[in-house]
Amino acid sequence: MQMTTTRSALGAVALACAMGTASAQIVPAENYDVGPATVSCPITENSIGPLRIGMTLGEARKAWPAAKFERRVGLDDLVELAVVVDGQTLVISGLGYDIPPGALPEKTVLQDLATYHPWCKDSRGIGPGTLLSDAASAYGGLVEIGKSDIEEREYARFKSASEWMHFRVDYTSIFYPESPRRTTAFKPEARLMGVEIGYY
């Protein structure tokens, strides 16, 4: 994928990944290269960019005035809030089901945050696109990689990472035995697909 098309293509890949597309494959390393970041998007255990868990939508708009806040419908009709800056979807928050159509109330609370965009990094320089091996080194070692019951999503746990930070790994990147669904083995090219923050 060439640099001229990477940005829009990555946005589509990121959204598909966020929605749990079961057919997603390993994202080639070059596809995470979207050029130098034009905005700051730091990740902490309870925030991404200037947005933090527990903020209302009204507070989020004030915290990130340059962002566009778009309502989207994700997997299984989950209503999501997509935060777009400079044409890039940097943050996604799942808002829930059975939310009436139309504008979201300003008092809507952000209960979780996720990013699948390589501009967003934590203080260790870890974020979407980071090699899994580098993330493990930065966080004191890998505890395990587990495959969830939801669309076979793969998550890595690290020794010194907050329990509220969930590190999602590219699909098909893990060497799994037939059973069980947890391992510490992975392919050298395995990368983080995204970082999700939530009290779950």
C-alpha atoms as a PDB file:
ATOM      1  CA  MET A   1       0.000   0.000   0.000  1.00  0.00           C
ATOM      2  CA  GLN A   2       1.514   3.297  -1.039  1.00  0.00           C
ATOM      3  CA  MET A   3       1.793   6.322   1.233  1.00  0.00           C
ATOM      4  CA  THR A   4      -0.670   8.242  -0.911  1.00  0.00           C
ATOM      5  CA  THR A   5      -3.429   5.803  -0.093  1.00  0.00           C
ATOM      6  CA  THR A   6      -2.380   4.554   3.313  1.00  0.00           C
ATOM      7  CA  ARG A   7      -4.269   7.072   5.437  1.00  0.00           C
ATOM      8  CA  SER A   8      -7.736   6.371   4.097  1.00  0.00           C
ATOM      9  CA  ALA A   9      -7.064   2.662   3.797  1.00  0.00           C
ATOM     10  CA  LEU A  10      -5.761   2.448   7.356  1.00  0.00           C
ATOM     11  CA  GLY A  11      -8.893   4.171   8.591  1.00  0.00           C
ATOM     12  CA  ALA A  12     -10.993   1.468   6.962  1.00  0.00           C
ATOM     13  CA  VAL A  13      -8.772  -1.290   8.348  1.00  0.00           C
ATOM     14  CA  ALA A  14      -8.821   0.243  11.818  1.00  0.00           C
ATOM     15  CA  LEU A  15     -12.580   0.523  11.877  1.00  0.00           C
ATOM     16  CA  ALA A  16     -12.974  -3.035  10.621  1.00  0.00           C
ATOM     17  CA  CYS A  17     -10.614  -4.222  13.338  1.00  0.00           C
ATOM     18  CA  ALA A  18     -12.428  -2.210  15.965  1.00  0.00           C
ATOM     19  CA  MET A  19     -15.679  -3.817  14.923  1.00  0.00           C
ATOM     20  CA  GLY A  20     -14.141  -7.269  15.260  1.00  0.00           C
ATOM     21  CA  THR A  21     -14.131  -8.362  11.646  1.00  0.00           C
ATOM     22  CA  ALA A  22     -13.423 -12.063  11.895  1.00  0.00           C
ATOM     23  CA  SER A  23     -11.752 -12.252   8.488  1.00  0.00           C
ATOM     24  CA  ALA A  24      -9.108  -9.619   9.299  1.00  0.00           C
ATOM     25  CA  GLN A  25      -5.505 -10.708   8.787  1.00  0.00           C
ATOM     26  CA  ILE A  26      -2.122  -9.519  10.003  1.00  0.00           C
ATOM     27  CA  VAL A  27      -1.704  -5.886   8.984  1.00  0.00           C
ATOM     28  CA  PRO A  28       1.642  -5.528   7.181  1.00  0.00           C
ATOM     29  CA  ALA A  29       4.130  -3.326   9.005  1.00  0.00           C
ATOM     30  CA  GLU A  30       4.242  -0.748   6.209  1.00  0.00           C
ATOM     31  CA  ASN A  31       0.508  -0.180   6.531  1.00  0.00           C
ATOM     32  CA  TYR A  32       1.033   1.327   9.964  1.00  0.00           C
ATOM     33  CA  ASP A  33       3.243   4.013   8.421  1.00  0.00           C
ATOM     34  CA  VAL A  34       0.862   6.933   7.975  1.00  0.00           C
ATOM     35  CA  GLY A  35       3.524   9.574   8.237  1.00  0.00           C
ATOM     36  CA  PRO A  36       4.411  11.792  11.200  1.00  0.00           C
ATOM     37  CA  ALA A  37       1.612  12.529  13.635  1.00  0.00           C
ATOM     38  CA  THR A  38      -0.029  15.913  13.208  1.00  0.00           C
ATOM     39  CA  VAL A  39      -1.730  15.740  16.613  1.00  0.00           C
ATOM     40  CA  SER A  40      -0.757  14.501  20.058  1.00  0.00           C
ATOM     41  CA  CYS A  41      -2.544  11.304  21.073  1.00  0.00           C
ATOM     42  CA  PRO A  42      -0.982   9.923  24.276  1.00  0.00           C
ATOM     43  CA  ILE A  43      -2.359   6.750  25.846  1.00  0.00           C
ATOM     44  CA  THR A  44      -2.624   6.240  29.609  1.00  0.00           C
ATOM     45  CA  GLU A  45      -4.482   3.701  31.704  1.00  0.00           C
ATOM     46  CA  ASN A  46      -7.621   5.860  31.668  1.00  0.00           C
ATOM     47  CA  SER A  47      -7.255   8.176  28.671  1.00  0.00           C
ATOM     48  CA  ILE A  48      -6.458   8.463  24.994  1.00  0.00           C
ATOM     49  CA  GLY A  49      -5.518  11.912  23.754  1.00  0.00           C
ATOM     50  CA  PRO A  50      -7.308  14.459  25.929  1.00  0.00           C
ATOM     51  CA  LEU A  51     -10.271  12.112  26.406  1.00  0.00           C
ATOM     52  CA  ARG A  52     -10.639  10.066  29.559  1.00  0.00           C
ATOM     53  CA  ILE A  53     -13.052   7.419  30.733  1.00  0.00           C
ATOM     54  CA  GLY A  54     -15.999   8.946  32.592  1.00  0.00           C
ATOM     55  CA  MET A  55     -16.090  12.151  30.553  1.00  0.00           C
ATOM     56  CA  THR A  56     -19.376  13.229  29.079  1.00  0.00           C
ATOM     57  CA  LEU A  57     -19.625  13.938  25.382  1.00  0.00           C
ATOM     58  CA  GLY A  58     -19.971  17.614  26.202  1.00  0.00           C
ATOM     59  CA  GLU A  59     -16.748  17.554  28.202  1.00  0.00           C
ATOM     60  CA  ALA A  60     -15.031  15.617  25.421  1.00  0.00           C
ATOM     61  CA  ARG A  61     -15.938  18.257  22.842  1.00  0.00           C
ATOM     62  CA  LYS A  62     -14.418  20.961  25.040  1.00  0.00           C
ATOM     63  CA  ALA A  63     -11.304  18.866  25.716  1.00  0.00           C
ATOM     64  CA  TRP A  64     -10.673  18.221  22.017  1.00  0.00           C
ATOM     65  CA  PRO A  65     -12.150  21.150  20.062  1.00  0.00           C
ATOM     66  CA  ALA A  66     -10.352  20.182  16.837  1.00  0.00           C
ATOM     67  CA  ALA A  67     -12.070  16.781  16.773  1.00  0.00           C
ATOM     68  CA  LYS A  68     -15.239  15.714  15.024  1.00  0.00           C
ATOM     69  CA  PHE A  69     -17.432  13.381  17.070  1.00  0.00           C
ATOM     70  CA  GLU A  70     -19.331  11.002  14.810  1.00  0.00           C
ATOM     71  CA  ARG A  71     -22.005   8.499  15.684  1.00  0.00           C
ATOM     72  CA  ARG A  72     -21.441   5.135  14.031  1.00  0.00           C
ATOM     73  CA  VAL A  73     -23.020   1.723  14.276  1.00  0.00           C
ATOM     74  CA  GLY A  74     -20.602  -1.141  14.846  1.00  0.00           C
ATOM     75  CA  LEU A  75     -20.841  -4.880  15.237  1.00  0.00           C
ATOM     76  CA  ASP A  76     -24.252  -6.216  16.313  1.00  0.00           C
ATOM     77  CA  ASP A  77     -25.739  -2.698  16.184  1.00  0.00           C
ATOM     78  CA  LEU A  78     -23.453  -1.390  18.922  1.00  0.00           C
ATOM     79  CA  VAL A  79     -23.591   2.414  18.800  1.00  0.00           C
ATOM     80  CA  GLU A  80     -20.072   3.848  18.768  1.00  0.00           C
ATOM     81  CA  LEU A  81     -18.612   7.311  19.046  1.00  0.00           C
ATOM     82  CA  ALA A  82     -15.783   7.858  16.571  1.00  0.00           C
ATOM     83  CA  VAL A  83     -13.391  10.723  17.260  1.00  0.00           C
ATOM     84  CA  VAL A  84     -11.891  12.040  14.031  1.00  0.00           C
ATOM     85  CA  VAL A  85      -8.985  14.492  13.881  1.00  0.00           C
ATOM     86  CA  ASP A  86      -7.279  15.593  10.649  1.00  0.00           C
ATOM     87  CA  GLY A  87      -9.347  13.011   8.804  1.00  0.00           C
ATOM     88  CA  GLN A  88      -8.063  10.198  11.036  1.00  0.00           C
ATOM     89  CA  THR A  89     -10.230   8.083  13.331  1.00  0.00           C
ATOM     90  CA  LEU A  90      -8.070   8.205  16.444  1.00  0.00           C
ATOM     91  CA  VAL A  91     -10.454   7.081  19.182  1.00  0.00           C
ATOM     92  CA  ILE A  92     -13.554   4.912  19.354  1.00  0.00           C
ATOM     93  CA  SER A  93     -15.888   4.575  22.327  1.00  0.00           C
ATOM     94  CA  GLY A  94     -18.616   1.956  22.523  1.00  0.00           C
ATOM     95  CA  LEU A  95     -21.720   3.674  23.840  1.00  0.00           C
ATOM     96  CA  GLY A  96     -24.125   0.752  24.046  1.00  0.00           C
ATOM     97  CA  TYR A  97     -27.230  -0.704  22.453  1.00  0.00           C
ATOM     98  CA  ASP A  98     -30.824   0.486  22.222  1.00  0.00           C
ATOM     99  CA  ILE A  99     -29.742   4.092  21.837  1.00  0.00           C
ATOM    100  CA  PRO A 100     -32.365   6.074  19.909  1.00  0.00           C
ATOM    101  CA  PRO A 101     -31.298   7.362  16.490  1.00  0.00           C
ATOM    102  CA  GLY A 102     -30.282  10.949  16.111  1.00  0.00           C
ATOM    103  CA  ALA A 103     -27.841  13.214  17.893  1.00  0.00           C
ATOM    104  CA  LEU A 104     -26.168  11.895  21.020  1.00  0.00           C
ATOM    105  CA  PRO A 105     -26.963  13.792  24.238  1.00  0.00           C
ATOM    106  CA  GLU A 106     -24.117  15.923  25.587  1.00  0.00           C
ATOM    107  CA  LYS A 107     -24.427  14.013  28.870  1.00  0.00           C
ATOM    108  CA  THR A 108     -23.535  10.715  27.183  1.00  0.00           C
ATOM    109  CA  VAL A 109     -20.708   9.150  29.228  1.00  0.00           C
ATOM    110  CA  LEU A 110     -17.597   7.628  27.656  1.00  0.00           C
ATOM    111  CA  GLN A 111     -17.355   4.306  29.480  1.00  0.00           C
ATOM    112  CA  ASP A 112     -14.475   2.901  27.437  1.00  0.00           C
ATOM    113  CA  LEU A 113     -11.949   4.127  24.901  1.00  0.00           C
ATOM    114  CA  ALA A 114     -10.003   2.384  22.152  1.00  0.00           C
ATOM    115  CA  THR A 115      -7.501   3.328  19.496  1.00  0.00           C
ATOM    116  CA  TYR A 116      -6.370   1.439  16.429  1.00  0.00           C
ATOM    117  CA  HIS A 117      -4.290   4.279  15.016  1.00  0.00           C
ATOM    118  CA  PRO A 118      -0.466   4.350  15.151  1.00  0.00           C
ATOM    119  CA  TRP A 119      -0.359   8.056  16.044  1.00  0.00           C
ATOM    120  CA  CYS A 120      -1.551   7.093  19.519  1.00  0.00           C
ATOM    121  CA  LYS A 121       1.248   5.887  21.807  1.00  0.00           C
ATOM    122  CA  ASP A 122       1.795   5.519  25.525  1.00  0.00           C
ATOM    123  CA  SER A 123       4.760   6.935  27.438  1.00  0.00           C
ATOM    124  CA  ARG A 124       6.803   3.869  26.469  1.00  0.00           C
ATOM    125  CA  GLY A 125       6.142   4.468  22.762  1.00  0.00           C
ATOM    126  CA  ILE A 126       3.781   1.495  22.598  1.00  0.00           C
ATOM    127  CA  GLY A 127       0.601   1.598  20.535  1.00  0.00           C
ATOM    128  CA  PRO A 128      -1.081   0.214  17.413  1.00  0.00           C
ATOM    129  CA  GLY A 129       1.528  -1.134  15.010  1.00  0.00           C
ATOM    130  CA  THR A 130       4.105  -1.885  17.706  1.00  0.00           C
ATOM    131  CA  LEU A 131       5.738  -5.294  17.489  1.00  0.00           C
ATOM    132  CA  LEU A 132       4.339  -7.565  20.167  1.00  0.00           C
ATOM    133  CA  SER A 133       7.887  -8.428  21.221  1.00  0.00           C
ATOM    134  CA  ASP A 134       8.690  -4.729  21.764  1.00  0.00           C
ATOM    135  CA  ALA A 135       5.521  -4.218  23.779  1.00  0.00           C
ATOM    136  CA  ALA A 136       6.382  -7.201  25.962  1.00  0.00           C
ATOM    137  CA  SER A 137       9.871  -5.816  26.604  1.00  0.00           C
ATOM    138  CA  ALA A 138       8.525  -2.369  27.445  1.00  0.00           C
ATOM    139  CA  TYR A 139       6.020  -3.779  29.934  1.00  0.00           C
ATOM    140  CA  GLY A 140       8.307  -6.180  31.775  1.00  0.00           C
ATOM    141  CA  GLY A 141       7.484  -9.320  29.857  1.00  0.00           C
ATOM    142  CA  LEU A 142       4.532 -11.194  28.426  1.00  0.00           C
ATOM    143  CA  VAL A 143       2.151 -12.954  30.817  1.00  0.00           C
ATOM    144  CA  GLU A 144      -0.004 -14.626  28.193  1.00  0.00           C
ATOM    145  CA  ILE A 145      -1.974 -14.184  24.999  1.00  0.00           C
ATOM    146  CA  GLY A 146      -5.592 -15.214  25.179  1.00  0.00           C
ATOM    147  CA  LYS A 147      -8.162 -15.737  22.464  1.00  0.00           C
ATOM    148  CA  SER A 148     -11.574 -14.379  23.393  1.00  0.00           C
ATOM    149  CA  ASP A 149     -14.932 -15.981  22.756  1.00  0.00           C
ATOM    150  CA  ILE A 150     -15.946 -12.880  20.795  1.00  0.00           C
ATOM    151  CA  GLU A 151     -14.832 -13.376  17.203  1.00  0.00           C
ATOM    152  CA  GLU A 152     -11.606 -15.049  18.305  1.00  0.00           C
ATOM    153  CA  ARG A 153     -10.035 -11.723  19.225  1.00  0.00           C
ATOM    154  CA  GLU A 154      -6.484 -12.010  20.554  1.00  0.00           C
ATOM    155  CA  TYR A 155      -5.305 -10.018  23.578  1.00  0.00           C
ATOM    156  CA  ALA A 156      -1.889  -9.873  25.230  1.00  0.00           C
ATOM    157  CA  ARG A 157      -1.294  -9.293  28.933  1.00  0.00           C
ATOM    158  CA  PHE A 158       1.982  -7.825  30.169  1.00  0.00           C
ATOM    159  CA  LYS A 159       3.539  -7.968  33.629  1.00  0.00           C
ATOM    160  CA  SER A 160       3.626  -4.246  34.421  1.00  0.00           C
ATOM    161  CA  ALA A 161       0.628  -3.008  32.410  1.00  0.00           C
ATOM    162  CA  SER A 162      -2.478  -1.677  34.118  1.00  0.00           C
ATOM    163  CA  GLU A 163      -5.311  -4.174  34.306  1.00  0.00           C
ATOM    164  CA  TRP A 164      -7.502  -1.566  32.612  1.00  0.00           C
ATOM    165  CA  MET A 165      -5.355  -1.567  29.466  1.00  0.00           C
ATOM    166  CA  HIS A 166      -6.207  -4.282  26.937  1.00  0.00           C
ATOM    167  CA  PHE A 167      -3.678  -4.872  24.155  1.00  0.00           C
ATOM    168  CA  ARG A 168      -5.285  -6.349  21.087  1.00  0.00           C
ATOM    169  CA  VAL A 169      -3.095  -8.363  18.730  1.00  0.00           C
ATOM    170  CA  ASP A 170      -3.418  -8.846  14.965  1.00  0.00           C
ATOM    171  CA  TYR A 171      -5.532 -11.801  13.940  1.00  0.00           C
ATOM    172  CA  THR A 172      -3.691 -14.990  12.920  1.00  0.00           C
ATOM    173  CA  SER A 173      -0.470 -13.805  14.554  1.00  0.00           C
ATOM    174  CA  ILE A 174      -0.406 -16.369  17.332  1.00  0.00           C
ATOM    175  CA  PHE A 175       0.767 -19.972  17.367  1.00  0.00           C
ATOM    176  CA  TYR A 176      -2.029 -21.727  19.220  1.00  0.00           C
ATOM    177  CA  PRO A 177      -2.082 -25.368  20.121  1.00  0.00           C
ATOM    178  CA  GLU A 178      -5.442 -27.005  19.490  1.00  0.00           C
ATOM    179  CA  SER A 179      -6.176 -26.451  23.163  1.00  0.00           C
ATOM    180  CA  PRO A 180      -6.121 -24.417  25.367  1.00  0.00           C
ATOM    181  CA  ARG A 181      -6.877 -20.903  24.153  1.00  0.00           C
ATOM    182  CA  ARG A 182      -3.989 -19.283  26.009  1.00  0.00           C
ATOM    183  CA  THR A 183      -0.310 -19.235  25.110  1.00  0.00           C
ATOM    184  CA  THR A 184       2.932 -17.293  25.330  1.00  0.00           C
ATOM    185  CA  ALA A 185       4.065 -18.260  21.814  1.00  0.00           C
ATOM    186  CA  PHE A 186       3.727 -15.850  18.908  1.00  0.00           C
ATOM    187  CA  LYS A 187       5.157 -15.145  15.487  1.00  0.00           C
ATOM    188  CA  PRO A 188       8.009 -12.592  15.284  1.00  0.00           C
ATOM    189  CA  GLU A 189       5.910 -10.350  13.013  1.00  0.00           C
ATOM    190  CA  ALA A 190       2.991 -10.187  15.460  1.00  0.00           C
ATOM    191  CA  ARG A 191       1.956  -6.604  16.205  1.00  0.00           C
ATOM    192  CA  LEU A 192      -0.493  -4.771  18.380  1.00  0.00           C
ATOM    193  CA  MET A 193      -3.641  -3.978  16.466  1.00  0.00           C
ATOM    194  CA  GLY A 194      -4.978  -1.626  19.095  1.00  0.00           C
ATOM    195  CA  VAL A 195      -5.118  -0.532  22.699  1.00  0.00           C
ATOM    196  CA  GLU A 196      -8.472  -0.642  24.470  1.00  0.00           C
ATOM    197  CA  ILE A 197      -9.109   0.934  27.851  1.00  0.00           C
ATOM    198  CA  GLY A 198     -11.969  -0.082  30.049  1.00  0.00           C
ATOM    199  CA  TYR A 199     -12.960  -1.468  33.409  1.00  0.00           C
ATOM    200  CA  TYR A 200     -13.769  -4.968  32.130  1.00  0.00           C
END
